[in-house]
Amino acid sequence: MTSMKSLLAAFLLALTSLFSLSASAVVEGYKYQFDSEEEVQRFNGLAEVLRCPKCQNQNLADSNAPVASDMREKVYELMLEGQSDDQIVDYLVARYGDFVHYKPPVRAETWLLWFGPLIAFLIGLLVLRQLRRKQTVEQAQPLTEAERAQLERMKSGADSSSN
């Protein structure tokens, strides 16, 4: 009977925590307390659109790097101060650079990020075109007299060996 009571108590405790008034976000074992589910969504949204400067290809939500943990903590602090998403992102960009954006703004300082891959691709195409043109020119040149004579010797040698 006592195990039934403890089981019922555990069930009720789990049920009340499920329907509690305060929402929370859990990242990397840390628990951030928020007043609403919208704030949890906002925090998670920011953690997903900001890149970890150490991991490079992971967002703050996925990264276990210490710098990502620090950045998540700062996002939480700035949210508690009442700053908007843009203000939070601007703060992190000022501290870590445009790299923390998955989509950095297009301006003179970020042209290489945006157009670098396209430029590298175009340079690669030009190099391939030049190599192909060089091959075509080498193949199209007529044979010299010495090359013709060697070719004739090779042909006559092949003809005599086939008989």
C-alpha atoms as a PDB file:
ATOM      1  CA  MET A   1       0.000   0.000   0.000  1.00  0.00           C
ATOM      2  CA  THR A   2       2.841   2.391   0.785  1.00  0.00           C
ATOM      3  CA  SER A   3       4.441   1.719  -2.582  1.00  0.00           C
ATOM      4  CA  MET A   4       1.136   2.599  -4.225  1.00  0.00           C
ATOM      5  CA  LYS A   5       1.076   5.891  -2.271  1.00  0.00           C
ATOM      6  CA  SER A   6       4.662   6.718  -3.229  1.00  0.00           C
ATOM      7  CA  LEU A   7       3.925   5.856  -6.851  1.00  0.00           C
ATOM      8  CA  LEU A   8       0.857   8.124  -6.786  1.00  0.00           C
ATOM      9  CA  ALA A   9       2.885  10.894  -5.124  1.00  0.00           C
ATOM     10  CA  ALA A  10       5.595  10.601  -7.796  1.00  0.00           C
ATOM     11  CA  PHE A  11       2.958  10.705 -10.527  1.00  0.00           C
ATOM     12  CA  LEU A  12       1.337  13.810  -9.031  1.00  0.00           C
ATOM     13  CA  LEU A  13       4.721  15.488  -8.639  1.00  0.00           C
ATOM     14  CA  ALA A  14       5.561  14.780 -12.286  1.00  0.00           C
ATOM     15  CA  LEU A  15       2.141  16.040 -13.359  1.00  0.00           C
ATOM     16  CA  THR A  16       2.454  19.304 -11.418  1.00  0.00           C
ATOM     17  CA  SER A  17       5.935  19.943 -12.763  1.00  0.00           C
ATOM     18  CA  LEU A  18       4.605  19.336 -16.253  1.00  0.00           C
ATOM     19  CA  PHE A  19       1.913  21.978 -15.798  1.00  0.00           C
ATOM     20  CA  SER A  20       3.938  24.449 -13.742  1.00  0.00           C
ATOM     21  CA  LEU A  21       3.498  28.159 -14.433  1.00  0.00           C
ATOM     22  CA  SER A  22       7.150  28.903 -15.155  1.00  0.00           C
ATOM     23  CA  ALA A  23       8.732  27.567 -18.302  1.00  0.00           C
ATOM     24  CA  SER A  24      12.357  26.595 -18.598  1.00  0.00           C
ATOM     25  CA  ALA A  25      14.970  25.856 -21.204  1.00  0.00           C
ATOM     26  CA  VAL A  26      17.623  23.243 -20.568  1.00  0.00           C
ATOM     27  CA  VAL A  27      20.887  23.387 -22.457  1.00  0.00           C
ATOM     28  CA  GLU A  28      24.031  21.449 -21.495  1.00  0.00           C
ATOM     29  CA  GLY A  29      22.756  20.626 -18.021  1.00  0.00           C
ATOM     30  CA  TYR A  30      22.098  24.257 -17.100  1.00  0.00           C
ATOM     31  CA  LYS A  31      18.560  25.318 -16.431  1.00  0.00           C
ATOM     32  CA  TYR A  32      17.403  28.758 -17.403  1.00  0.00           C
ATOM     33  CA  GLN A  33      14.131  29.897 -15.853  1.00  0.00           C
ATOM     34  CA  PHE A  34      11.668  31.885 -17.927  1.00  0.00           C
ATOM     35  CA  ASP A  35       8.213  33.277 -17.211  1.00  0.00           C
ATOM     36  CA  SER A  36       6.572  31.973 -20.368  1.00  0.00           C
ATOM     37  CA  GLU A  37       6.880  29.450 -23.148  1.00  0.00           C
ATOM     38  CA  GLU A  38       7.387  32.349 -25.600  1.00  0.00           C
ATOM     39  CA  GLU A  39      10.596  33.315 -23.783  1.00  0.00           C
ATOM     40  CA  VAL A  40      11.787  29.707 -23.948  1.00  0.00           C
ATOM     41  CA  GLN A  41      11.099  29.703 -27.696  1.00  0.00           C
ATOM     42  CA  ARG A  42      12.892  33.037 -28.050  1.00  0.00           C
ATOM     43  CA  PHE A  43      15.957  31.768 -26.159  1.00  0.00           C
ATOM     44  CA  ASN A  44      16.049  28.532 -28.161  1.00  0.00           C
ATOM     45  CA  GLY A  45      15.571  30.498 -31.383  1.00  0.00           C
ATOM     46  CA  LEU A  46      18.519  32.750 -30.595  1.00  0.00           C
ATOM     47  CA  ALA A  47      20.651  29.756 -29.606  1.00  0.00           C
ATOM     48  CA  GLU A  48      19.864  28.144 -32.953  1.00  0.00           C
ATOM     49  CA  VAL A  49      20.593  31.149 -35.220  1.00  0.00           C
ATOM     50  CA  LEU A  50      23.875  32.106 -33.561  1.00  0.00           C
ATOM     51  CA  ARG A  51      27.046  30.194 -34.469  1.00  0.00           C
ATOM     52  CA  CYS A  52      29.665  29.029 -32.008  1.00  0.00           C
ATOM     53  CA  PRO A  53      32.917  30.838 -32.866  1.00  0.00           C
ATOM     54  CA  LYS A  54      35.011  27.801 -31.884  1.00  0.00           C
ATOM     55  CA  CYS A  55      32.981  25.000 -33.462  1.00  0.00           C
ATOM     56  CA  GLN A  56      32.329  26.962 -36.666  1.00  0.00           C
ATOM     57  CA  ASN A  57      29.608  24.688 -37.986  1.00  0.00           C
ATOM     58  CA  GLN A  58      27.481  24.342 -34.858  1.00  0.00           C
ATOM     59  CA  ASN A  59      25.008  26.737 -33.374  1.00  0.00           C
ATOM     60  CA  LEU A  60      24.970  27.699 -29.699  1.00  0.00           C
ATOM     61  CA  ALA A  61      22.271  25.146 -28.939  1.00  0.00           C
ATOM     62  CA  ASP A  62      24.341  22.244 -30.306  1.00  0.00           C
ATOM     63  CA  SER A  63      27.818  23.252 -29.164  1.00  0.00           C
ATOM     64  CA  ASN A  64      29.455  22.001 -25.981  1.00  0.00           C
ATOM     65  CA  ALA A  65      32.382  24.417 -26.249  1.00  0.00           C
ATOM     66  CA  PRO A  66      33.002  26.666 -23.236  1.00  0.00           C
ATOM     67  CA  VAL A  67      32.648  29.793 -25.384  1.00  0.00           C
ATOM     68  CA  ALA A  68      29.201  28.616 -26.529  1.00  0.00           C
ATOM     69  CA  SER A  69      28.200  28.071 -22.913  1.00  0.00           C
ATOM     70  CA  ASP A  70      29.358  31.601 -22.077  1.00  0.00           C
ATOM     71  CA  MET A  71      27.433  32.982 -25.024  1.00  0.00           C
ATOM     72  CA  ARG A  72      24.248  31.159 -23.993  1.00  0.00           C
ATOM     73  CA  GLU A  73      24.654  32.580 -20.490  1.00  0.00           C
ATOM     74  CA  LYS A  74      25.049  36.081 -21.929  1.00  0.00           C
ATOM     75  CA  VAL A  75      21.966  35.627 -24.129  1.00  0.00           C
ATOM     76  CA  TYR A  76      20.023  34.633 -21.006  1.00  0.00           C
ATOM     77  CA  GLU A  77      21.327  37.638 -19.050  1.00  0.00           C
ATOM     78  CA  LEU A  78      20.496  40.061 -21.848  1.00  0.00           C
ATOM     79  CA  MET A  79      17.014  38.586 -22.170  1.00  0.00           C
ATOM     80  CA  LEU A  80      16.469  39.114 -18.433  1.00  0.00           C
ATOM     81  CA  GLU A  81      17.569  42.735 -18.879  1.00  0.00           C
ATOM     82  CA  GLY A  82      14.763  43.123 -21.415  1.00  0.00           C
ATOM     83  CA  GLN A  83      16.880  43.539 -24.537  1.00  0.00           C
ATOM     84  CA  SER A  84      15.396  42.706 -27.929  1.00  0.00           C
ATOM     85  CA  ASP A  85      16.661  39.927 -30.191  1.00  0.00           C
ATOM     86  CA  ASP A  86      18.381  42.497 -32.424  1.00  0.00           C
ATOM     87  CA  GLN A  87      20.118  44.090 -29.446  1.00  0.00           C
ATOM     88  CA  ILE A  88      21.310  40.680 -28.229  1.00  0.00           C
ATOM     89  CA  VAL A  89      22.618  39.726 -31.669  1.00  0.00           C
ATOM     90  CA  ASP A  90      24.283  43.142 -32.057  1.00  0.00           C
ATOM     91  CA  TYR A  91      26.004  42.693 -28.683  1.00  0.00           C
ATOM     92  CA  LEU A  92      27.369  39.274 -29.676  1.00  0.00           C
ATOM     93  CA  VAL A  93      28.421  40.501 -33.136  1.00  0.00           C
ATOM     94  CA  ALA A  94      30.267  43.435 -31.543  1.00  0.00           C
ATOM     95  CA  ARG A  95      32.090  41.006 -29.275  1.00  0.00           C
ATOM     96  CA  TYR A  96      32.721  38.043 -31.626  1.00  0.00           C
ATOM     97  CA  GLY A  97      32.321  39.502 -35.131  1.00  0.00           C
ATOM     98  CA  ASP A  98      29.947  38.752 -37.980  1.00  0.00           C
ATOM     99  CA  PHE A  99      31.009  35.119 -37.900  1.00  0.00           C
ATOM    100  CA  VAL A 100      28.458  34.410 -35.140  1.00  0.00           C
ATOM    101  CA  HIS A 101      25.731  34.908 -37.759  1.00  0.00           C
ATOM    102  CA  TYR A 102      24.817  32.006 -39.977  1.00  0.00           C
ATOM    103  CA  LYS A 103      23.738  34.673 -42.465  1.00  0.00           C
ATOM    104  CA  PRO A 104      26.007  37.682 -41.954  1.00  0.00           C
ATOM    105  CA  PRO A 105      24.840  40.985 -43.459  1.00  0.00           C
ATOM    106  CA  VAL A 106      26.109  41.884 -46.917  1.00  0.00           C
ATOM    107  CA  ARG A 107      28.515  44.807 -46.593  1.00  0.00           C
ATOM    108  CA  ALA A 108      32.106  45.585 -47.549  1.00  0.00           C
ATOM    109  CA  GLU A 109      33.590  43.687 -44.598  1.00  0.00           C
ATOM    110  CA  THR A 110      31.608  40.519 -45.365  1.00  0.00           C
ATOM    111  CA  TRP A 111      31.908  40.417 -49.162  1.00  0.00           C
ATOM    112  CA  LEU A 112      34.507  37.675 -48.933  1.00  0.00           C
ATOM    113  CA  LEU A 113      32.140  35.538 -46.830  1.00  0.00           C
ATOM    114  CA  TRP A 114      29.325  36.011 -49.318  1.00  0.00           C
ATOM    115  CA  PHE A 115      31.137  36.061 -52.640  1.00  0.00           C
ATOM    116  CA  GLY A 116      34.398  34.220 -51.871  1.00  0.00           C
ATOM    117  CA  PRO A 117      33.071  30.773 -52.837  1.00  0.00           C
ATOM    118  CA  LEU A 118      31.647  32.147 -56.107  1.00  0.00           C
ATOM    119  CA  ILE A 119      34.937  33.884 -56.929  1.00  0.00           C
ATOM    120  CA  ALA A 120      36.908  30.699 -56.198  1.00  0.00           C
ATOM    121  CA  PHE A 121      34.516  28.713 -58.422  1.00  0.00           C
ATOM    122  CA  LEU A 122      34.900  31.189 -61.296  1.00  0.00           C
ATOM    123  CA  ILE A 123      38.703  31.179 -60.982  1.00  0.00           C
ATOM    124  CA  GLY A 124      38.590  27.370 -61.092  1.00  0.00           C
ATOM    125  CA  LEU A 125      36.507  27.482 -64.283  1.00  0.00           C
ATOM    126  CA  LEU A 126      38.960  29.907 -65.895  1.00  0.00           C
ATOM    127  CA  VAL A 127      41.923  27.681 -64.999  1.00  0.00           C
ATOM    128  CA  LEU A 128      40.155  24.618 -66.438  1.00  0.00           C
ATOM    129  CA  ARG A 129      39.306  26.545 -69.613  1.00  0.00           C
ATOM    130  CA  GLN A 130      42.934  27.627 -70.040  1.00  0.00           C
ATOM    131  CA  LEU A 131      44.191  24.066 -69.500  1.00  0.00           C
ATOM    132  CA  ARG A 132      41.710  22.720 -72.031  1.00  0.00           C
ATOM    133  CA  ARG A 133      42.640  25.419 -74.551  1.00  0.00           C
ATOM    134  CA  LYS A 134      46.343  24.592 -74.089  1.00  0.00           C
ATOM    135  CA  GLN A 135      45.652  20.880 -74.690  1.00  0.00           C
ATOM    136  CA  THR A 136      43.683  21.664 -77.838  1.00  0.00           C
ATOM    137  CA  VAL A 137      46.465  23.890 -79.207  1.00  0.00           C
ATOM    138  CA  GLU A 138      49.104  21.225 -78.507  1.00  0.00           C
ATOM    139  CA  GLN A 139      47.020  18.571 -80.238  1.00  0.00           C
ATOM    140  CA  ALA A 140      46.248  20.730 -83.289  1.00  0.00           C
ATOM    141  CA  GLN A 141      49.877  21.510 -84.215  1.00  0.00           C
ATOM    142  CA  PRO A 142      51.091  19.658 -87.310  1.00  0.00           C
ATOM    143  CA  LEU A 143      53.774  17.023 -86.984  1.00  0.00           C
ATOM    144  CA  THR A 144      57.360  17.973 -87.636  1.00  0.00           C
ATOM    145  CA  GLU A 145      59.405  16.137 -90.267  1.00  0.00           C
ATOM    146  CA  ALA A 146      61.178  14.118 -87.576  1.00  0.00           C
ATOM    147  CA  GLU A 147      57.855  13.113 -85.995  1.00  0.00           C
ATOM    148  CA  ARG A 148      56.449  12.108 -89.402  1.00  0.00           C
ATOM    149  CA  ALA A 149      59.491   9.977 -90.110  1.00  0.00           C
ATOM    150  CA  GLN A 150      59.210   8.290 -86.712  1.00  0.00           C
ATOM    151  CA  LEU A 151      55.488   7.679 -87.319  1.00  0.00           C
ATOM    152  CA  GLU A 152      56.245   6.105 -90.712  1.00  0.00           C
ATOM    153  CA  ARG A 153      58.901   3.842 -89.173  1.00  0.00           C
ATOM    154  CA  MET A 154      56.421   2.772 -86.505  1.00  0.00           C
ATOM    155  CA  LYS A 155      53.747   2.069 -89.120  1.00  0.00           C
ATOM    156  CA  SER A 156      56.091   0.070 -91.337  1.00  0.00           C
ATOM    157  CA  GLY A 157      57.317  -1.884 -88.301  1.00  0.00           C
ATOM    158  CA  ALA A 158      53.734  -2.702 -87.333  1.00  0.00           C
ATOM    159  CA  ASP A 159      52.905  -3.724 -90.925  1.00  0.00           C
ATOM    160  CA  SER A 160      55.894  -6.074 -91.197  1.00  0.00           C
ATOM    161  CA  SER A 161      55.223  -7.710 -87.826  1.00  0.00           C
ATOM    162  CA  SER A 162      51.583  -8.402 -88.696  1.00  0.00           C
ATOM    163  CA  ASN A 163      52.615 -10.427 -91.811  1.00  0.00           C
END
